[in-house]
Each structure stands twice: as C-alpha cells, then as structure tokens.
Amino acid sequence: MNRREFIASCAAAASAAALPGCASRPRREGCLFRYTPSGGLRVRCDGLERPLRVWQVSDSHLNLRDSRDDEYKDFYARMGVEWNPKLTAREAFERILDDAREKRPDLLLVTGDLISFPTLKNVEFAVERLDACGVPWLYTAGNHDWHFEGDEGSDAEQRARWIEKRLLPLYKGEDPMAYAKTVGGVRFLMIDNSTYNVDERQLEFFRAETAKGGPCVLAMHIPLWHRGWGAYACGSPDWCTAADKNWQIERRQPWAERQDESTFEFRRAVDEADSLLAVLAGHYHRLEMVSDSGLVHATAPLAAVGEILKVTIG
C-alpha cells in the first residue's frame, strides 16, 4: 500500500465508523466520543479540570542497528526495510517528537512496535529521543519490539527474554506486563497483549484498577476483537493455527489452536468496565474505530510514515 492509498483507507475507515459520534451509551452515560479528521478523537469525560491531550504513537517500527548486534544480522534483515521510500522510520519518529515538543500534548501514548527488532541501537535511540522531547510518555510492547526473526523459543519465551535483556529502559521501572499511571485525572492502564493473550494476573490487574472508579483508558498493542476484524485481534474466535499466515515468513512458532481462556474473559471484562472511556491499540497500521455500547475502540495509524492518533479527553 502506498502513502496515498494508506491515507485514503484511514479516511474511509474513520468516516464509516465514527464521524457521526457514538450511539447510546447505557453503561457510560457520562462519556461520549466523536471523531473528525481535523480534530482527531474526542472523548467526553466530565469532572476533569481541563481537557487532556493525548497523542497515540503506534507502530513506529524503528530499524536502527550497529555492530554491537552483528550476531543477529540474519534475525533482523527482513524487517530492516523502510515503509516509505521518501521518509525513513527514524525521520518520521523525529518529526512526531519535534511536533510534540512544539505543541506540548499532555501525554505520548506509545502502543507497541516502537521498534522492529530489539537491537541496542533501537532501544537507546527511542528512549533518548522520547526523554528529550519533554513530554511525558508511557509505553507497552508490540509483537515486533521483542522479536528477532528466527530466534528460538515461543513468543512468550522470546518476550520474557528480550524484555529482560533489552526493553526494560522503556518501562522506567514499571511492570512490563501491566501497570497504571494517572495523567490529568485519567488512569491509563498499560497491558501487554503482544502475544495475542492476556493472562490471569493481567486480568486481575484490569479488574482491580477499573473497580477503583474514576475514568480509565486501556492501552495495548493488539486490538480487541470485533465482528469483521478477523483473526489478528485479542479475543478473536477466528484466531487459530490455520489462520496464522505469517509464522514462516516471521520465522517463529505458529499460533496455538485457541487463545487462552483468560483472554476471552478479559474481553468480557472490558465490556463490563463502566469506568473505561476508551480502548486504544495499534497493530493494524491504519485508523479503525468501533463502538461497543458507546465505548470507543480505536487503532492508531502507522507512525512509521508519520501518522498518529490525536485524542482529547474531557
């Protein structure tokens, strides 16, 4: 897909899904949402001192490496390409952060695939630039952040290994699997579902946090399933070994026959969480929005070509 087609698909998806605003919200009557191309996603939340401006940055796919990771050259060769021949992923990332430094949103929400593989150069560059922009930022991992193609072990084993070896600076001391931060009166729940699963501990974390009351936003890399969204979603009934078309290309173990039961229970818990304002994800490389009883689920466009989702809460 070229840039023009990408932008057109984003506009079509947004127009079809969200421009009229949300329908009835029987369990969330204090919160409505609306999307416009010029203003981004606006989520109503009563009681905040002022509107909270959030920039969601997803799928930057930085592809930096140096001689320190020469032993993994074969593992990152395929993902070392650029998404746009006229704008490198690094340039796109720096433009986004330069814009953030100038316009000062309240939060940068980095929802995974910040990097295309866990090289030292990728992580160091990302942390340095994010810190230097002067805007608070939160991060949760995507499936590429911890994946060296051809590395041994299951996705869960690779994630644990490379988070410990490389990605910890991105979490600033927080639990990589699940943590919460309050910004401007809104609690952001950062949950790692980058293996397409949510475990029991993450499920209990989510229930405990949403039970506290007060407005919450759930941020993950992989979106929650909705009818028509196919297998590449969390809590999808279509997800199975036969539906995994990329395991050989990505040189990893194929998916299992079904996601964990705790993942489906998590999907139900999200539907039942009255304190939840929005679910913000990435992974799809395009803007998608859908409403469940008025709760907005959105996927951000591809930051690797300079696109972000601007969200205003309040």
Protein backbone atom coordinates (compact mmCIF):
# COMPACT_ATOMS: atom_id res chain seq x y z
CA MET A 1 0.00 0.00 0.00
CA ASN A 2 1.44 3.39 -0.94
CA ARG A 3 1.07 6.54 1.14
CA ARG A 4 -1.89 7.88 -0.83
CA GLU A 5 -3.77 4.59 -0.53
CA PHE A 6 -2.93 4.43 3.17
CA ILE A 7 -4.30 7.90 3.88
CA ALA A 8 -7.42 7.16 1.84
CA SER A 9 -8.03 3.94 3.75
CA CYS A 10 -7.69 5.79 7.06
CA ALA A 11 -10.20 8.41 5.98
CA ALA A 12 -12.65 5.80 4.76
CA ALA A 13 -12.39 3.76 7.94
CA ALA A 14 -12.87 6.79 10.16
CA SER A 15 -15.78 8.11 8.13
CA ALA A 16 -17.56 4.77 8.16
CA ALA A 17 -17.03 4.04 11.82
CA ALA A 18 -17.02 7.20 13.86
CA LEU A 19 -17.88 10.52 12.25
CA PRO A 20 -21.50 10.57 13.43
CA GLY A 21 -20.37 10.17 17.05
CA CYS A 22 -21.39 7.38 19.37
CA ALA A 23 -24.77 5.82 19.73
CA SER A 24 -26.42 5.32 23.08
CA ARG A 25 -24.11 4.53 25.96
CA PRO A 26 -26.34 2.88 28.54
CA ARG A 27 -23.49 1.97 30.91
CA ARG A 28 -21.35 5.05 30.27
CA GLU A 29 -23.80 7.91 30.09
CA GLY A 30 -21.20 10.43 31.25
CA CYS A 31 -18.94 9.82 28.28
CA LEU A 32 -19.48 10.19 24.54
CA PHE A 33 -16.98 10.21 21.70
CA ARG A 34 -16.64 11.81 18.31
CA TYR A 35 -14.00 11.71 15.58
CA THR A 36 -13.19 14.32 12.93
CA PRO A 37 -10.13 14.28 10.64
CA SER A 38 -9.14 17.78 11.74
CA GLY A 39 -9.67 17.36 15.47
CA GLY A 40 -8.96 13.69 15.98
CA LEU A 41 -10.80 11.59 18.54
CA ARG A 42 -12.69 13.50 21.24
CA VAL A 43 -13.85 11.51 24.27
CA ARG A 44 -16.13 13.30 26.68
CA CYS A 45 -15.25 12.91 30.35
CA ASP A 46 -16.97 15.02 32.98
CA GLY A 47 -15.12 16.21 36.05
CA LEU A 48 -11.62 16.86 34.69
CA GLU A 49 -10.02 20.20 35.49
CA ARG A 50 -9.24 20.69 31.80
CA PRO A 51 -9.23 18.59 28.63
CA LEU A 52 -6.37 16.10 28.42
CA ARG A 53 -4.49 15.98 25.12
CA VAL A 54 -3.01 12.58 24.28
CA TRP A 55 -1.01 11.69 21.19
CA GLN A 56 -1.08 7.98 20.46
CA VAL A 57 2.07 6.88 18.66
CA SER A 58 1.92 3.30 17.42
CA ASP A 59 3.99 1.18 15.05
CA SER A 60 6.96 3.50 14.56
CA HIS A 61 8.99 0.43 13.52
CA LEU A 62 12.41 1.98 14.09
CA ASN A 63 15.02 -0.18 12.38
CA LEU A 64 18.35 1.05 13.76
CA ARG A 65 21.28 -1.26 14.39
CA ASP A 66 25.05 -1.16 14.73
CA SER A 67 27.98 -3.52 15.08
CA ARG A 68 27.05 -4.49 18.65
CA ASP A 69 24.25 -6.63 17.20
CA ASP A 70 26.09 -8.07 14.22
CA GLU A 71 25.46 -11.58 15.53
CA TYR A 72 21.72 -11.01 14.92
CA LYS A 73 22.03 -9.68 11.34
CA ASP A 74 20.15 -12.62 9.93
CA PHE A 75 17.41 -12.15 12.54
CA TYR A 76 16.61 -8.54 11.62
CA ALA A 77 17.39 -8.48 7.88
CA ARG A 78 13.77 -8.72 6.65
CA MET A 79 12.44 -6.02 8.98
CA GLY A 80 15.29 -3.62 8.25
CA VAL A 81 13.46 -2.06 5.30
CA GLU A 82 11.70 1.31 5.19
CA TRP A 83 7.92 1.71 5.00
CA ASN A 84 8.14 4.87 2.91
CA PRO A 85 10.99 5.42 0.41
CA LYS A 86 10.70 9.20 0.88
CA LEU A 87 10.70 9.21 4.69
CA THR A 88 12.63 6.83 6.91
CA ALA A 89 11.08 5.48 10.10
CA ARG A 90 13.69 7.42 12.06
CA GLU A 91 12.81 10.67 10.29
CA ALA A 92 9.09 10.08 10.83
CA PHE A 93 9.66 9.43 14.54
CA GLU A 94 11.78 12.53 14.96
CA ARG A 95 9.19 14.68 13.16
CA ILE A 96 6.47 13.42 15.51
CA LEU A 97 8.59 14.20 18.56
CA ASP A 98 9.63 17.62 17.21
CA ASP A 99 5.95 18.41 16.73
CA ALA A 100 5.22 17.19 20.27
CA ARG A 101 8.00 19.37 21.66
CA GLU A 102 6.40 22.39 19.99
CA LYS A 103 2.71 21.68 20.67
CA ARG A 104 3.10 20.10 24.11
CA PRO A 105 0.41 17.44 24.43
CA ASP A 106 -0.08 16.14 27.94
CA LEU A 107 0.98 12.59 27.10
CA LEU A 108 2.58 10.47 24.41
CA LEU A 109 0.98 7.03 24.49
CA VAL A 110 3.32 4.58 22.76
CA THR A 111 1.29 1.47 21.99
CA GLY A 112 3.81 -1.01 20.67
CA ASP A 113 6.00 -1.85 17.70
CA LEU A 114 8.05 1.19 18.56
CA ILE A 115 10.94 -0.79 17.09
CA SER A 116 11.05 -3.56 14.51
CA PHE A 117 13.53 -5.68 16.47
CA PRO A 118 15.26 -5.36 19.86
CA THR A 119 18.71 -4.08 18.89
CA LEU A 120 20.63 -1.98 21.39
CA LYS A 121 20.70 0.96 18.98
CA ASN A 122 16.92 0.87 18.53
CA VAL A 123 16.17 0.93 22.25
CA GLU A 124 18.80 3.54 23.12
CA PHE A 125 17.66 5.87 20.34
CA ALA A 126 13.98 5.54 21.22
CA VAL A 127 14.47 6.20 24.94
CA GLU A 128 16.84 9.11 24.32
CA ARG A 129 14.50 10.83 21.86
CA LEU A 130 11.37 10.25 23.91
CA ASP A 131 13.01 11.65 27.04
CA ALA A 132 14.45 14.63 25.15
CA CYS A 133 11.09 15.73 23.71
CA GLY A 134 9.99 16.88 27.16
CA VAL A 135 6.51 15.34 27.03
CA PRO A 136 5.55 12.55 29.49
CA TRP A 137 5.31 9.17 27.78
CA LEU A 138 4.04 5.68 28.52
CA TYR A 139 4.94 2.50 26.65
CA THR A 140 3.66 -1.01 26.18
CA ALA A 141 5.20 -3.59 23.86
CA GLY A 142 4.14 -4.82 20.46
CA ASN A 143 4.90 -8.16 18.86
CA HIS A 144 7.91 -6.82 16.94
CA ASP A 145 9.54 -4.99 19.85
CA TRP A 146 10.83 -8.24 21.35
CA HIS A 147 11.07 -10.41 18.22
CA PHE A 148 14.27 -11.35 16.41
CA GLU A 149 13.07 -13.40 13.44
CA GLY A 150 14.47 -16.91 13.66
CA ASP A 151 15.24 -16.70 17.37
CA GLU A 152 14.42 -19.79 19.37
CA GLY A 153 11.50 -20.32 21.72
CA SER A 154 7.81 -19.47 21.83
CA ASP A 155 6.54 -15.91 21.61
CA ALA A 156 6.09 -15.81 25.38
CA GLU A 157 9.64 -17.07 25.92
CA GLN A 158 11.11 -14.56 23.47
CA ARG A 159 9.12 -11.71 25.00
CA ALA A 160 10.37 -12.53 28.50
CA ARG A 161 13.95 -12.90 27.32
CA TRP A 162 14.22 -9.70 25.30
CA ILE A 163 12.26 -7.53 27.71
CA GLU A 164 14.78 -8.51 30.37
CA LYS A 165 17.82 -8.17 28.09
CA ARG A 166 16.87 -5.03 26.13
CA LEU A 167 13.49 -3.39 26.68
CA LEU A 168 13.48 -2.56 30.41
CA PRO A 169 14.59 1.10 29.89
CA LEU A 170 11.31 1.71 28.07
CA TYR A 171 9.27 0.87 31.18
CA LYS A 172 11.06 3.23 33.59
CA GLY A 173 10.79 0.77 36.46
CA GLU A 174 7.16 -0.28 35.84
CA ASP A 175 5.94 -3.86 35.42
CA PRO A 176 6.18 -4.60 31.68
CA MET A 177 3.11 -6.84 31.75
CA ALA A 178 0.70 -4.40 33.38
CA TYR A 179 0.94 -1.01 35.06
CA ALA A 180 -1.19 2.07 35.65
CA LYS A 181 -0.34 5.77 35.55
CA THR A 182 -2.64 8.70 36.22
CA VAL A 183 -2.24 11.74 33.98
CA GLY A 184 -4.55 14.74 34.25
CA GLY A 185 -7.13 12.84 36.26
CA VAL A 186 -7.32 9.86 33.86
CA ARG A 187 -5.79 6.49 34.74
CA PHE A 188 -4.02 4.80 31.83
CA LEU A 189 -3.89 1.02 32.06
CA MET A 190 -0.94 -0.33 30.07
CA ILE A 191 -1.36 -4.04 29.37
CA ASP A 192 0.97 -6.15 27.21
CA ASN A 193 -1.09 -8.41 24.95
CA SER A 194 1.61 -8.65 22.29
CA THR A 195 1.38 -12.47 22.19
CA TYR A 196 -2.39 -12.17 21.49
CA ASN A 197 -3.06 -13.33 25.04
CA VAL A 198 -3.88 -11.75 28.39
CA ASP A 199 -3.01 -13.90 31.39
CA GLU A 200 -4.81 -14.29 34.72
CA ARG A 201 -2.58 -11.79 36.52
CA GLN A 202 -3.20 -9.14 33.89
CA LEU A 203 -6.93 -9.85 34.03
CA GLU A 204 -6.99 -9.36 37.80
CA PHE A 205 -4.95 -6.18 37.45
CA PHE A 206 -7.50 -4.80 34.99
CA ARG A 207 -10.45 -5.69 37.20
CA ALA A 208 -8.82 -4.17 40.27
CA GLU A 209 -7.92 -0.93 38.50
CA THR A 210 -11.30 -0.39 36.85
CA ALA A 211 -13.06 -1.19 40.13
CA LYS A 212 -11.37 1.78 41.81
CA GLY A 213 -13.66 4.19 39.98
CA GLY A 214 -12.59 7.28 38.12
CA PRO A 215 -12.01 7.45 34.37
CA CYS A 216 -9.67 4.88 32.78
CA VAL A 217 -8.19 4.35 29.32
CA LEU A 218 -6.92 0.91 28.29
CA ALA A 219 -3.81 0.93 26.08
CA MET A 220 -2.48 -2.20 24.35
CA HIS A 221 -0.80 -3.08 21.08
CA ILE A 222 -3.21 -5.65 19.67
CA PRO A 223 -6.85 -4.51 19.39
CA LEU A 224 -9.72 -6.38 20.96
CA TRP A 225 -11.81 -8.39 18.54
CA HIS A 226 -14.98 -7.08 16.95
CA ARG A 227 -17.10 -8.79 14.34
CA GLY A 228 -15.43 -8.42 10.99
CA TRP A 229 -11.98 -7.71 12.43
CA GLY A 230 -10.65 -11.20 11.65
CA ALA A 231 -8.05 -13.32 13.38
CA TYR A 232 -5.44 -10.66 14.12
CA ALA A 233 -7.12 -9.46 17.31
CA CYS A 234 -7.20 -10.25 21.00
CA GLY A 235 -10.17 -12.41 21.97
CA SER A 236 -10.85 -13.42 18.37
CA PRO A 237 -12.78 -16.65 17.74
CA ASP A 238 -11.03 -16.79 14.34
CA TRP A 239 -7.53 -16.96 15.85
CA CYS A 240 -6.05 -20.44 15.42
CA THR A 241 -3.09 -22.30 13.93
CA ALA A 242 -4.65 -22.44 10.46
CA ALA A 243 -5.28 -18.67 10.46
CA ASP A 244 -1.62 -17.83 11.14
CA LYS A 245 -0.39 -16.98 7.65
CA ASN A 246 2.87 -15.30 8.69
CA TRP A 247 4.66 -17.70 11.02
CA GLN A 248 7.03 -19.00 8.36
CA ILE A 249 7.75 -15.52 6.99
CA GLU A 250 8.44 -14.23 10.51
CA ARG A 251 10.36 -17.42 11.41
CA ARG A 252 8.57 -18.10 14.67
CA GLN A 253 6.41 -20.82 16.14
CA PRO A 254 2.84 -20.88 14.75
CA TRP A 255 -0.12 -19.81 16.83
CA ALA A 256 -1.84 -22.32 19.06
CA GLU A 257 -5.32 -23.63 18.30
CA ARG A 258 -7.01 -21.07 20.56
CA GLN A 259 -6.16 -18.08 22.69
CA ASP A 260 -6.12 -18.58 26.46
CA GLU A 261 -9.47 -18.61 28.25
CA SER A 262 -8.26 -15.68 30.36
CA THR A 263 -8.02 -13.68 27.12
CA PHE A 264 -11.69 -14.22 26.35
CA GLU A 265 -12.57 -13.44 29.96
CA PHE A 266 -10.58 -10.22 29.65
CA ARG A 267 -12.54 -9.30 26.53
CA ARG A 268 -15.75 -9.73 28.54
CA ALA A 269 -14.34 -7.76 31.48
CA VAL A 270 -13.63 -4.81 29.19
CA ASP A 271 -17.26 -4.78 28.07
CA GLU A 272 -18.37 -4.71 31.71
CA ALA A 273 -15.99 -1.99 32.97
CA ASP A 274 -18.13 1.10 33.46
CA SER A 275 -15.14 3.29 34.34
CA LEU A 276 -13.48 2.67 30.97
CA LEU A 277 -13.52 5.57 28.49
CA ALA A 278 -11.62 4.13 25.54
CA VAL A 279 -9.51 1.23 24.32
CA LEU A 280 -6.52 2.42 22.29
CA ALA A 281 -4.44 -0.06 20.29
CA GLY A 282 -2.21 -0.30 17.23
CA HIS A 283 -1.04 -3.30 15.19
CA TYR A 284 -3.35 -2.74 12.20
CA HIS A 285 -1.28 0.15 10.72
CA ARG A 286 -4.49 2.03 9.97
CA LEU A 287 -7.14 4.05 11.74
CA GLU A 288 -10.15 1.97 12.76
CA MET A 289 -12.91 2.85 15.22
CA VAL A 290 -15.89 0.95 16.53
CA SER A 291 -18.26 1.39 19.45
CA ASP A 292 -19.40 -1.20 21.99
CA SER A 293 -22.33 0.28 23.94
CA GLY A 294 -20.67 3.64 23.40
CA LEU A 295 -17.17 2.57 24.48
CA VAL A 296 -14.79 3.54 21.68
CA HIS A 297 -12.20 1.08 20.45
CA ALA A 298 -9.60 2.69 18.18
CA THR A 299 -6.47 1.59 16.38
CA ALA A 300 -3.87 4.22 15.54
CA PRO A 301 -2.43 4.72 12.06
CA LEU A 302 1.16 3.91 11.11
CA ALA A 303 3.68 6.15 12.89
CA ALA A 304 6.44 4.79 10.63
CA VAL A 305 5.08 7.12 7.93
CA GLY A 306 4.47 9.99 10.34
CA GLU A 307 0.82 9.35 11.28
CA ILE A 308 -0.56 9.44 14.82
CA LEU A 309 -3.95 9.48 16.53
CA LYS A 310 -4.66 12.65 18.50
CA VAL A 311 -7.06 12.03 21.38
CA THR A 312 -8.68 14.70 23.55
CA ILE A 313 -10.35 13.58 26.79
CA GLY A 314 -12.65 15.95 28.61
